[in-house]
Amino acid sequence: MPGQKTIAIETLNLLRASEPLPNDSHLKAASIIAFPLGPIEVEQITPRFFASFAIESLLRSICYREEKWLIDARHNHAMRMTLNWVEAES
């Protein structure tokens, strides 16, 4: 799909600029951009889906005020999954 690599790179840049804190605008924007678009009835097993899921898990950890080490680990995982998405689109 045209533009997927651009979307993936923009998401990764937003994650890199984000701080794993409540109401971080970069993190919220990354979540919105990464959200996989497509029919709900179709099974989502794409790099974009995994990146989106990792970002959403990070947001939940922050909202639930989990321990800092876990939030940091989820932030790193979200960046890795998004980098995998970028590489898959290359």
PDB file of N, CA and C in Angstrom:
ATOM      1  N   MET A   1       0.859  -1.176   0.000  1.00  0.00           N
ATOM      2  CA  MET A   1       0.000   0.000   0.000  1.00  0.00           C
ATOM      3  C   MET A   1       0.906   1.240   0.000  1.00  0.00           C
ATOM      4  N   PRO A   2       0.639   2.178  -0.919  1.00  0.00           N
ATOM      5  CA  PRO A   2       1.482   3.371  -0.983  1.00  0.00           C
ATOM      6  C   PRO A   2       1.410   4.169   0.317  1.00  0.00           C
ATOM      7  N   GLY A   3       2.543   4.659   0.714  1.00  0.00           N
ATOM      8  CA  GLY A   3       2.579   5.504   1.903  1.00  0.00           C
ATOM      9  C   GLY A   3       2.750   4.766   3.211  1.00  0.00           C
ATOM     10  N   GLN A   4       2.712   3.446   3.193  1.00  0.00           N
ATOM     11  CA  GLN A   4       2.830   2.688   4.439  1.00  0.00           C
ATOM     12  C   GLN A   4       4.184   2.906   5.102  1.00  0.00           C
ATOM     13  N   LYS A   5       5.239   2.962   4.295  1.00  0.00           N
ATOM     14  CA  LYS A   5       6.567   3.177   4.872  1.00  0.00           C
ATOM     15  C   LYS A   5       6.636   4.558   5.523  1.00  0.00           C
ATOM     16  N   THR A   6       6.051   5.557   4.887  1.00  0.00           N
ATOM     17  CA  THR A   6       6.032   6.909   5.449  1.00  0.00           C
ATOM     18  C   THR A   6       5.282   6.931   6.770  1.00  0.00           C
ATOM     19  N   ILE A   7       4.159   6.241   6.829  1.00  0.00           N
ATOM     20  CA  ILE A   7       3.365   6.173   8.059  1.00  0.00           C
ATOM     21  C   ILE A   7       4.166   5.470   9.161  1.00  0.00           C
ATOM     22  N   ALA A   8       4.827   4.380   8.816  1.00  0.00           N
ATOM     23  CA  ALA A   8       5.615   3.640   9.789  1.00  0.00           C
ATOM     24  C   ALA A   8       6.772   4.490  10.321  1.00  0.00           C
ATOM     25  N   ILE A   9       7.452   5.206   9.427  1.00  0.00           N
ATOM     26  CA  ILE A   9       8.564   6.061   9.851  1.00  0.00           C
ATOM     27  C   ILE A   9       8.070   7.192  10.744  1.00  0.00           C
ATOM     28  N   GLU A  10       6.951   7.803  10.388  1.00  0.00           N
ATOM     29  CA  GLU A  10       6.395   8.885  11.215  1.00  0.00           C
ATOM     30  C   GLU A  10       6.023   8.366  12.607  1.00  0.00           C
ATOM     31  N   THR A  11       5.446   7.181  12.667  1.00  0.00           N
ATOM     32  CA  THR A  11       5.106   6.580  13.962  1.00  0.00           C
ATOM     33  C   THR A  11       6.360   6.350  14.797  1.00  0.00           C
ATOM     34  N   LEU A  12       7.406   5.815  14.166  1.00  0.00           N
ATOM     35  CA  LEU A  12       8.656   5.576  14.881  1.00  0.00           C
ATOM     36  C   LEU A  12       9.258   6.888  15.382  1.00  0.00           C
ATOM     37  N   ASN A  13       9.232   7.914  14.564  1.00  0.00           N
ATOM     38  CA  ASN A  13       9.754   9.222  14.990  1.00  0.00           C
ATOM     39  C   ASN A  13       8.975   9.783  16.174  1.00  0.00           C
ATOM     40  N   LEU A  14       7.661   9.618  16.161  1.00  0.00           N
ATOM     41  CA  LEU A  14       6.839  10.078  17.284  1.00  0.00           C
ATOM     42  C   LEU A  14       7.177   9.310  18.558  1.00  0.00           C
ATOM     43  N   LEU A  15       7.375   8.002  18.426  1.00  0.00           N
ATOM     44  CA  LEU A  15       7.736   7.201  19.601  1.00  0.00           C
ATOM     45  C   LEU A  15       9.089   7.622  20.154  1.00  0.00           C
ATOM     46  N   ARG A  16      10.025   7.887  19.277  1.00  0.00           N
ATOM     47  CA  ARG A  16      11.354   8.315  19.729  1.00  0.00           C
ATOM     48  C   ARG A  16      11.282   9.657  20.448  1.00  0.00           C
ATOM     49  N   ALA A  17      10.388  10.526  20.022  1.00  0.00           N
ATOM     50  CA  ALA A  17      10.245  11.850  20.645  1.00  0.00           C
ATOM     51  C   ALA A  17       9.392  11.812  21.911  1.00  0.00           C
ATOM     52  N   SER A  18       8.712  10.709  22.128  1.00  0.00           N
ATOM     53  CA  SER A  18       7.770  10.639  23.253  1.00  0.00           C
ATOM     54  C   SER A  18       8.469  10.337  24.562  1.00  0.00           C
ATOM     55  N   GLU A  19       7.789  10.696  25.609  1.00  0.00           N
ATOM     56  CA  GLU A  19       8.179  10.332  26.973  1.00  0.00           C
ATOM     57  C   GLU A  19       7.059   9.438  27.489  1.00  0.00           C
ATOM     58  N   PRO A  20       7.396   8.317  28.129  1.00  0.00           N
ATOM     59  CA  PRO A  20       6.330   7.451  28.640  1.00  0.00           C
ATOM     60  C   PRO A  20       5.654   8.055  29.875  1.00  0.00           C
ATOM     61  N   LEU A  21       4.911   9.123  29.637  1.00  0.00           N
ATOM     62  CA  LEU A  21       4.197   9.839  30.686  1.00  0.00           C
ATOM     63  C   LEU A  21       2.740  10.006  30.279  1.00  0.00           C
ATOM     64  N   PRO A  22       1.843  10.162  31.255  1.00  0.00           N
ATOM     65  CA  PRO A  22       0.438  10.407  30.911  1.00  0.00           C
ATOM     66  C   PRO A  22       0.305  11.675  30.061  1.00  0.00           C
ATOM     67  N   ASN A  23      -0.571  11.627  29.101  1.00  0.00           N
ATOM     68  CA  ASN A  23      -0.911  12.765  28.234  1.00  0.00           C
ATOM     69  C   ASN A  23       0.231  13.247  27.343  1.00  0.00           C
ATOM     70  N   ASP A  24       1.192  12.379  27.044  1.00  0.00           N
ATOM     71  CA  ASP A  24       2.254  12.763  26.120  1.00  0.00           C
ATOM     72  C   ASP A  24       1.671  12.824  24.707  1.00  0.00           C
ATOM     73  N   SER A  25       1.740  13.979  24.092  1.00  0.00           N
ATOM     74  CA  SER A  25       1.101  14.168  22.792  1.00  0.00           C
ATOM     75  C   SER A  25       1.758  13.349  21.687  1.00  0.00           C
ATOM     76  N   HIS A  26       3.076  13.142  21.753  1.00  0.00           N
ATOM     77  CA  HIS A  26       3.748  12.330  20.738  1.00  0.00           C
ATOM     78  C   HIS A  26       3.275  10.879  20.805  1.00  0.00           C
ATOM     79  N   LEU A  27       3.125  10.388  22.019  1.00  0.00           N
ATOM     80  CA  LEU A  27       2.692   9.007  22.213  1.00  0.00           C
ATOM     81  C   LEU A  27       1.255   8.812  21.734  1.00  0.00           C
ATOM     82  N   LYS A  28       0.392   9.765  22.051  1.00  0.00           N
ATOM     83  CA  LYS A  28      -0.995   9.678  21.596  1.00  0.00           C
ATOM     84  C   LYS A  28      -1.067   9.728  20.070  1.00  0.00           C
ATOM     85  N   ALA A  29      -0.272  10.592  19.459  1.00  0.00           N
ATOM     86  CA  ALA A  29      -0.263  10.693  17.994  1.00  0.00           C
ATOM     87  C   ALA A  29       0.247   9.394  17.370  1.00  0.00           C
ATOM     88  N   ALA A  30       1.279   8.796  17.954  1.00  0.00           N
ATOM     89  CA  ALA A  30       1.801   7.526  17.444  1.00  0.00           C
ATOM     90  C   ALA A  30       0.729   6.449  17.493  1.00  0.00           C
ATOM     91  N   SER A  31      -0.038   6.432  18.566  1.00  0.00           N
ATOM     92  CA  SER A  31      -1.109   5.447  18.710  1.00  0.00           C
ATOM     93  C   SER A  31      -2.167   5.614  17.624  1.00  0.00           C
ATOM     94  N   ILE A  32      -2.527   6.847  17.351  1.00  0.00           N
ATOM     95  CA  ILE A  32      -3.552   7.120  16.335  1.00  0.00           C
ATOM     96  C   ILE A  32      -3.048   6.759  14.945  1.00  0.00           C
ATOM     97  N   ILE A  33      -1.815   7.135  14.643  1.00  0.00           N
ATOM     98  CA  ILE A  33      -1.262   6.869  13.314  1.00  0.00           C
ATOM     99  C   ILE A  33      -1.076   5.372  13.081  1.00  0.00           C
ATOM    100  N   ALA A  34      -0.636   4.654  14.092  1.00  0.00           N
ATOM    101  CA  ALA A  34      -0.335   3.232  13.931  1.00  0.00           C
ATOM    102  C   ALA A  34      -1.579   2.359  13.877  1.00  0.00           C
ATOM    103  N   PHE A  35      -2.724   2.877  14.307  1.00  0.00           N
ATOM    104  CA  PHE A  35      -3.931   2.047  14.372  1.00  0.00           C
ATOM    105  C   PHE A  35      -4.180   1.382  13.025  1.00  0.00           C
ATOM    106  N   PRO A  36      -4.243   0.034  12.999  1.00  0.00           N
ATOM    107  CA  PRO A  36      -4.412  -0.656  11.721  1.00  0.00           C
ATOM    108  C   PRO A  36      -5.812  -0.463  11.156  1.00  0.00           C
ATOM    109  N   LEU A  37      -5.871   0.048   9.956  1.00  0.00           N
ATOM    110  CA  LEU A  37      -7.145   0.262   9.300  1.00  0.00           C
ATOM    111  C   LEU A  37      -7.492  -0.972   8.477  1.00  0.00           C
ATOM    112  N   GLY A  38      -8.723  -1.314   8.451  1.00  0.00           N
ATOM    113  CA  GLY A  38      -9.162  -2.463   7.678  1.00  0.00           C
ATOM    114  C   GLY A  38     -10.403  -3.068   8.288  1.00  0.00           C
ATOM    115  N   PRO A  39     -10.992  -4.008   7.588  1.00  0.00           N
ATOM    116  CA  PRO A  39     -12.212  -4.644   8.091  1.00  0.00           C
ATOM    117  C   PRO A  39     -11.963  -5.385   9.406  1.00  0.00           C
ATOM    118  N   ILE A  40     -12.883  -5.251  10.327  1.00  0.00           N
ATOM    119  CA  ILE A  40     -12.745  -5.876  11.639  1.00  0.00           C
ATOM    120  C   ILE A  40     -12.754  -7.395  11.527  1.00  0.00           C
ATOM    121  N   GLU A  41     -13.521  -7.937  10.583  1.00  0.00           N
ATOM    122  CA  GLU A  41     -13.641  -9.384  10.489  1.00  0.00           C
ATOM    123  C   GLU A  41     -12.388 -10.055   9.914  1.00  0.00           C
ATOM    124  N   VAL A  42     -11.464  -9.266   9.376  1.00  0.00           N
ATOM    125  CA  VAL A  42     -10.232  -9.815   8.825  1.00  0.00           C
ATOM    126  C   VAL A  42      -9.194  -9.905   9.941  1.00  0.00           C
ATOM    127  N   GLU A  43      -8.585 -11.078  10.057  1.00  0.00           N
ATOM    128  CA  GLU A  43      -7.579 -11.272  11.098  1.00  0.00           C
ATOM    129  C   GLU A  43      -6.378 -10.373  10.828  1.00  0.00           C
ATOM    130  N   GLN A  44      -5.978  -9.629  11.836  1.00  0.00           N
ATOM    131  CA  GLN A  44      -4.863  -8.700  11.705  1.00  0.00           C
ATOM    132  C   GLN A  44      -3.586  -9.352  12.225  1.00  0.00           C
ATOM    133  N   ILE A  45      -2.716  -9.735  11.319  1.00  0.00           N
ATOM    134  CA  ILE A  45      -1.416 -10.281  11.722  1.00  0.00           C
ATOM    135  C   ILE A  45      -0.336  -9.604  10.876  1.00  0.00           C
ATOM    136  N   THR A  46      -0.327  -8.301  10.922  1.00  0.00           N
ATOM    137  CA  THR A  46       0.623  -7.527  10.139  1.00  0.00           C
ATOM    138  C   THR A  46       1.597  -6.811  11.077  1.00  0.00           C
ATOM    139  N   PRO A  47       2.747  -6.400  10.572  1.00  0.00           N
ATOM    140  CA  PRO A  47       3.664  -5.628  11.408  1.00  0.00           C
ATOM    141  C   PRO A  47       3.004  -4.359  11.965  1.00  0.00           C
ATOM    142  N   ARG A  48       2.113  -3.750  11.191  1.00  0.00           N
ATOM    143  CA  ARG A  48       1.419  -2.549  11.670  1.00  0.00           C
ATOM    144  C   ARG A  48       0.548  -2.874  12.878  1.00  0.00           C
ATOM    145  N   PHE A  49      -0.142  -4.009  12.839  1.00  0.00           N
ATOM    146  CA  PHE A  49      -0.977  -4.416  13.962  1.00  0.00           C
ATOM    147  C   PHE A  49      -0.131  -4.627  15.217  1.00  0.00           C
ATOM    148  N   PHE A  50       1.002  -5.325  15.079  1.00  0.00           N
ATOM    149  CA  PHE A  50       1.842  -5.605  16.240  1.00  0.00           C
ATOM    150  C   PHE A  50       2.422  -4.318  16.825  1.00  0.00           C
ATOM    151  N   ALA A  51       2.788  -3.370  15.970  1.00  0.00           N
ATOM    152  CA  ALA A  51       3.270  -2.077  16.453  1.00  0.00           C
ATOM    153  C   ALA A  51       2.165  -1.346  17.202  1.00  0.00           C
ATOM    154  N   SER A  52       0.973  -1.337  16.630  1.00  0.00           N
ATOM    155  CA  SER A  52      -0.163  -0.666  17.257  1.00  0.00           C
ATOM    156  C   SER A  52      -0.492  -1.300  18.610  1.00  0.00           C
ATOM    157  N   PHE A  53      -0.480  -2.616  18.660  1.00  0.00           N
ATOM    158  CA  PHE A  53      -0.777  -3.320  19.904  1.00  0.00           C
ATOM    159  C   PHE A  53       0.257  -2.985  20.978  1.00  0.00           C
ATOM    160  N   ALA A  54       1.540  -2.928  20.588  1.00  0.00           N
ATOM    161  CA  ALA A  54       2.598  -2.594  21.548  1.00  0.00           C
ATOM    162  C   ALA A  54       2.422  -1.175  22.081  1.00  0.00           C
ATOM    163  N   ILE A  55       2.042  -0.244  21.218  1.00  0.00           N
ATOM    164  CA  ILE A  55       1.832   1.137  21.651  1.00  0.00           C
ATOM    165  C   ILE A  55       0.637   1.221  22.596  1.00  0.00           C
ATOM    166  N   GLU A  56      -0.431   0.516  22.272  1.00  0.00           N
ATOM    167  CA  GLU A  56      -1.605   0.512  23.150  1.00  0.00           C
ATOM    168  C   GLU A  56      -1.287  -0.118  24.505  1.00  0.00           C
ATOM    169  N   SER A  57      -0.473  -1.163  24.521  1.00  0.00           N
ATOM    170  CA  SER A  57      -0.058  -1.769  25.789  1.00  0.00           C
ATOM    171  C   SER A  57       0.739  -0.785  26.627  1.00  0.00           C
ATOM    172  N   LEU A  58       1.593  -0.012  25.970  1.00  0.00           N
ATOM    173  CA  LEU A  58       2.357   1.020  26.665  1.00  0.00           C
ATOM    174  C   LEU A  58       1.420   2.063  27.268  1.00  0.00           C
ATOM    175  N   LEU A  59       0.450   2.511  26.499  1.00  0.00           N
ATOM    176  CA  LEU A  59      -0.498   3.507  27.005  1.00  0.00           C
ATOM    177  C   LEU A  59      -1.273   2.979  28.209  1.00  0.00           C
ATOM    178  N   ARG A  60      -1.678   1.712  28.161  1.00  0.00           N
ATOM    179  CA  ARG A  60      -2.394   1.126  29.300  1.00  0.00           C
ATOM    180  C   ARG A  60      -1.498   1.060  30.529  1.00  0.00           C
ATOM    181  N   SER A  61      -0.231   0.676  30.344  1.00  0.00           N
ATOM    182  CA  SER A  61       0.699   0.620  31.476  1.00  0.00           C
ATOM    183  C   SER A  61       0.835   1.979  32.135  1.00  0.00           C
ATOM    184  N   ILE A  62       0.912   3.012  31.312  1.00  0.00           N
ATOM    185  CA  ILE A  62       1.041   4.368  31.846  1.00  0.00           C
ATOM    186  C   ILE A  62      -0.227   4.759  32.605  1.00  0.00           C
ATOM    187  N   CYS A  63      -1.372   4.486  32.015  1.00  0.00           N
ATOM    188  CA  CYS A  63      -2.648   4.840  32.662  1.00  0.00           C
ATOM    189  C   CYS A  63      -2.858   4.100  33.975  1.00  0.00           C
ATOM    190  N   TYR A  64      -2.418   2.845  34.027  1.00  0.00           N
ATOM    191  CA  TYR A  64      -2.575   2.059  35.247  1.00  0.00           C
ATOM    192  C   TYR A  64      -1.461   2.321  36.251  1.00  0.00           C
ATOM    193  N   ARG A  65      -0.548   3.231  35.903  1.00  0.00           N
ATOM    194  CA  ARG A  65       0.573   3.613  36.775  1.00  0.00           C
ATOM    195  C   ARG A  65       1.380   2.393  37.228  1.00  0.00           C
ATOM    196  N   GLU A  66       1.712   1.558  36.244  1.00  0.00           N
ATOM    197  CA  GLU A  66       2.542   0.402  36.554  1.00  0.00           C
ATOM    198  C   GLU A  66       3.954   0.871  36.891  1.00  0.00           C
ATOM    199  N   GLU A  67       4.786  -0.031  37.338  1.00  0.00           N
ATOM    200  CA  GLU A  67       6.141   0.321  37.741  1.00  0.00           C
ATOM    201  C   GLU A  67       6.942   0.856  36.557  1.00  0.00           C
ATOM    202  N   LYS A  68       7.866   1.762  36.863  1.00  0.00           N
ATOM    203  CA  LYS A  68       8.650   2.446  35.826  1.00  0.00           C
ATOM    204  C   LYS A  68       9.403   1.470  34.933  1.00  0.00           C
ATOM    205  N   TRP A  69       9.973   0.414  35.507  1.00  0.00           N
ATOM    206  CA  TRP A  69      10.745  -0.533  34.704  1.00  0.00           C
ATOM    207  C   TRP A  69       9.864  -1.203  33.659  1.00  0.00           C
ATOM    208  N   LEU A  70       8.607  -1.488  34.026  1.00  0.00           N
ATOM    209  CA  LEU A  70       7.694  -2.128  33.084  1.00  0.00           C
ATOM    210  C   LEU A  70       7.277  -1.144  31.984  1.00  0.00           C
ATOM    211  N   ILE A  71       7.014   0.083  32.364  1.00  0.00           N
ATOM    212  CA  ILE A  71       6.663   1.105  31.375  1.00  0.00           C
ATOM    213  C   ILE A  71       7.833   1.317  30.417  1.00  0.00           C
ATOM    214  N   ASP A  72       9.045   1.388  30.944  1.00  0.00           N
ATOM    215  CA  ASP A  72      10.222   1.562  30.080  1.00  0.00           C
ATOM    216  C   ASP A  72      10.396   0.365  29.138  1.00  0.00           C
ATOM    217  N   ALA A  73      10.166  -0.831  29.648  1.00  0.00           N
ATOM    218  CA  ALA A  73      10.275  -2.029  28.815  1.00  0.00           C
ATOM    219  C   ALA A  73       9.222  -2.008  27.705  1.00  0.00           C
ATOM    220  N   ARG A  74       8.000  -1.592  28.038  1.00  0.00           N
ATOM    221  CA  ARG A  74       6.947  -1.513  27.023  1.00  0.00           C
ATOM    222  C   ARG A  74       7.254  -0.423  25.989  1.00  0.00           C
ATOM    223  N   HIS A  75       7.866   0.673  26.431  1.00  0.00           N
ATOM    224  CA  HIS A  75       8.253   1.744  25.510  1.00  0.00           C
ATOM    225  C   HIS A  75       9.307   1.219  24.522  1.00  0.00           C
ATOM    226  N   ASN A  76      10.302   0.507  25.035  1.00  0.00           N
ATOM    227  CA  ASN A  76      11.323  -0.085  24.163  1.00  0.00           C
ATOM    228  C   ASN A  76      10.720  -1.116  23.216  1.00  0.00           C
ATOM    229  N   HIS A  77       9.808  -1.921  23.722  1.00  0.00           N
ATOM    230  CA  HIS A  77       9.149  -2.931  22.889  1.00  0.00           C
ATOM    231  C   HIS A  77       8.332  -2.261  21.777  1.00  0.00           C
ATOM    232  N   ALA A  78       7.623  -1.193  22.104  1.00  0.00           N
ATOM    233  CA  ALA A  78       6.836  -0.480  21.094  1.00  0.00           C
ATOM    234  C   ALA A  78       7.746   0.081  20.006  1.00  0.00           C
ATOM    235  N   MET A  79       8.893   0.594  20.394  1.00  0.00           N
ATOM    236  CA  MET A  79       9.831   1.108  19.382  1.00  0.00           C
ATOM    237  C   MET A  79      10.379  -0.033  18.511  1.00  0.00           C
ATOM    238  N   ARG A  80      10.671  -1.184  19.121  1.00  0.00           N
ATOM    239  CA  ARG A  80      11.158  -2.334  18.339  1.00  0.00           C
ATOM    240  C   ARG A  80      10.099  -2.824  17.351  1.00  0.00           C
ATOM    241  N   MET A  81       8.855  -2.928  17.821  1.00  0.00           N
ATOM    242  CA  MET A  81       7.785  -3.391  16.935  1.00  0.00           C
ATOM    243  C   MET A  81       7.545  -2.406  15.792  1.00  0.00           C
ATOM    244  N   THR A  82       7.669  -1.123  16.089  1.00  0.00           N
ATOM    245  CA  THR A  82       7.484  -0.109  15.044  1.00  0.00           C
ATOM    246  C   THR A  82       8.655  -0.143  14.066  1.00  0.00           C
ATOM    247  N   LEU A  83       9.856  -0.373  14.566  1.00  0.00           N
ATOM    248  CA  LEU A  83      11.011  -0.510  13.678  1.00  0.00           C
ATOM    249  C   LEU A  83      10.844  -1.740  12.777  1.00  0.00           C
ATOM    250  N   ASN A  84      10.302  -2.830  13.314  1.00  0.00           N
ATOM    251  CA  ASN A  84      10.008  -4.010  12.494  1.00  0.00           C
ATOM    252  C   ASN A  84       9.018  -3.669  11.383  1.00  0.00           C
ATOM    253  N   TRP A  85       8.046  -2.827  11.708  1.00  0.00           N
ATOM    254  CA  TRP A  85       7.060  -2.391  10.721  1.00  0.00           C
ATOM    255  C   TRP A  85       7.740  -1.569   9.622  1.00  0.00           C
ATOM    256  N   VAL A  86       8.629  -0.666  10.018  1.00  0.00           N
ATOM    257  CA  VAL A  86       9.380   0.145   9.033  1.00  0.00           C
ATOM    258  C   VAL A  86      10.176  -0.778   8.119  1.00  0.00           C
ATOM    259  N   GLU A  87      10.872  -1.738   8.708  1.00  0.00           N
ATOM    260  CA  GLU A  87      11.690  -2.654   7.917  1.00  0.00           C
ATOM    261  C   GLU A  87      10.836  -3.526   7.003  1.00  0.00           C
ATOM    262  N   ALA A  88       9.658  -3.918   7.439  1.00  0.00           N
ATOM    263  CA  ALA A  88       8.765  -4.726   6.608  1.00  0.00           C
ATOM    264  C   ALA A  88       8.261  -3.950   5.386  1.00  0.00           C
ATOM    265  N   GLU A  89       8.202  -2.644   5.519  1.00  0.00           N
ATOM    266  CA  GLU A  89       7.715  -1.810   4.411  1.00  0.00           C
ATOM    267  C   GLU A  89       8.847  -1.412   3.458  1.00  0.00           C
ATOM    268  N   SER A  90      10.080  -1.744   3.813  1.00  0.00           N
ATOM    269  CA  SER A  90      11.229  -1.356   2.969  1.00  0.00           C
ATOM    270  C   SER A  90      11.399  -2.303   1.809  1.00  0.00           C
TER     271      SER A  90
END
